[in-house]
Amino acid sequence: MAEPGPFRSSASAVQLSGRLLCWSLAAAMASAAVDAFLDPQAGWWGVVWLLPWWLTCASALAWAVLRAREKADRPPPQGSARSDWEQAA
């Protein structure tokens, strides 16, 4: 088995997409605050401040799909009594 390197992580794709979602949302909120309070006049700012919002939408969609696949692949708990798993469904 290969040893984990600096770019290998034991985190799943769901966790990584969740982290991307959180960080992109933080960047989007920071860029919105800069746009609201500092009102940059640079021509490229109109495009740049929207990029984190698009990334947030894309990562939210990716996280939702990956999380649904993760939940579908996990078998329900064993037992004859109704569990929280069945009640939630």
Protein backbone atom coordinates (compact mmCIF):
# COMPACT_ATOMS: atom_id res chain seq x y z
CA MET A 1 0.00 0.00 0.00
CA ALA A 2 1.38 3.39 -0.95
CA GLU A 3 2.16 5.78 1.84
CA PRO A 4 0.22 9.04 1.83
CA GLY A 5 2.13 11.90 0.29
CA PRO A 6 1.66 15.63 0.79
CA PHE A 7 -1.17 15.77 -1.75
CA ARG A 8 -2.89 12.54 -0.76
CA SER A 9 -5.55 12.65 1.86
CA SER A 10 -7.65 10.08 3.65
CA ALA A 11 -10.61 12.45 3.23
CA SER A 12 -13.37 11.29 0.93
CA ALA A 13 -14.58 13.16 -2.12
CA VAL A 14 -17.63 14.23 -0.13
CA GLN A 15 -15.46 15.79 2.56
CA LEU A 16 -13.24 17.51 0.01
CA SER A 17 -16.22 18.92 -1.89
CA GLY A 18 -17.70 20.09 1.43
CA ARG A 19 -14.47 21.87 2.26
CA LEU A 20 -14.42 23.46 -1.18
CA LEU A 21 -18.01 24.58 -0.65
CA CYS A 22 -17.17 26.22 2.69
CA TRP A 23 -14.04 27.97 1.44
CA SER A 24 -15.65 29.17 -1.79
CA LEU A 25 -18.61 30.53 0.17
CA ALA A 26 -16.21 32.36 2.50
CA ALA A 27 -14.36 33.82 -0.50
CA ALA A 28 -17.65 34.83 -2.10
CA MET A 29 -18.80 36.60 1.04
CA ALA A 30 -15.44 38.35 1.39
CA SER A 31 -15.54 39.51 -2.23
CA ALA A 32 -19.09 40.76 -1.76
CA ALA A 33 -17.97 42.72 1.32
CA VAL A 34 -15.09 44.25 -0.62
CA ASP A 35 -17.48 45.15 -3.43
CA ALA A 36 -19.98 46.70 -1.02
CA PHE A 37 -17.62 48.66 1.20
CA LEU A 38 -14.67 49.57 -1.02
CA ASP A 39 -16.48 49.80 -4.38
CA PRO A 40 -13.46 48.96 -6.56
CA GLN A 41 -13.45 50.73 -9.91
CA ALA A 42 -11.11 48.32 -11.71
CA GLY A 43 -12.60 46.98 -14.92
CA TRP A 44 -11.77 43.37 -14.09
CA TRP A 45 -13.41 43.49 -10.66
CA GLY A 46 -16.92 42.98 -12.09
CA VAL A 47 -15.87 39.55 -13.32
CA VAL A 48 -13.59 38.54 -10.45
CA TRP A 49 -16.03 39.11 -7.62
CA LEU A 50 -18.56 36.78 -9.28
CA LEU A 51 -16.16 33.83 -9.64
CA PRO A 52 -16.40 32.65 -6.01
CA TRP A 53 -20.20 32.71 -6.25
CA TRP A 54 -20.14 30.50 -9.34
CA LEU A 55 -17.67 28.18 -7.61
CA THR A 56 -19.96 28.03 -4.58
CA CYS A 57 -22.91 26.97 -6.74
CA ALA A 58 -20.85 24.35 -8.57
CA SER A 59 -19.36 22.92 -5.38
CA ALA A 60 -22.78 22.81 -3.69
CA LEU A 61 -24.12 20.80 -6.60
CA ALA A 62 -21.08 18.49 -6.55
CA TRP A 63 -21.38 18.01 -2.79
CA ALA A 64 -25.10 17.18 -3.04
CA VAL A 65 -24.53 14.58 -5.77
CA LEU A 66 -21.56 12.99 -4.00
CA ARG A 67 -23.38 12.92 -0.66
CA ALA A 68 -26.44 11.29 -2.23
CA ARG A 69 -24.22 8.64 -3.84
CA GLU A 70 -22.44 8.06 -0.54
CA LYS A 71 -25.72 7.57 1.30
CA ALA A 72 -27.10 5.28 -1.42
CA ASP A 73 -24.01 3.06 -1.28
CA ARG A 74 -24.18 2.63 2.50
CA PRO A 75 -26.31 -0.34 3.57
CA PRO A 76 -29.01 0.30 6.19
CA PRO A 77 -28.31 -0.96 9.73
CA GLN A 78 -29.30 -4.54 10.49
CA GLY A 79 -32.11 -5.37 12.88
CA SER A 80 -35.80 -6.22 12.91
CA ALA A 81 -36.99 -3.15 14.81
CA ARG A 82 -37.67 0.08 12.96
CA SER A 83 -34.59 2.15 13.20
CA ASP A 84 -34.00 5.87 12.88
CA TRP A 85 -32.71 5.08 9.39
CA GLU A 86 -36.16 3.87 8.23
CA GLN A 87 -38.05 6.60 10.07
CA ALA A 88 -35.95 9.30 8.40
CA ALA A 89 -36.71 7.86 4.97
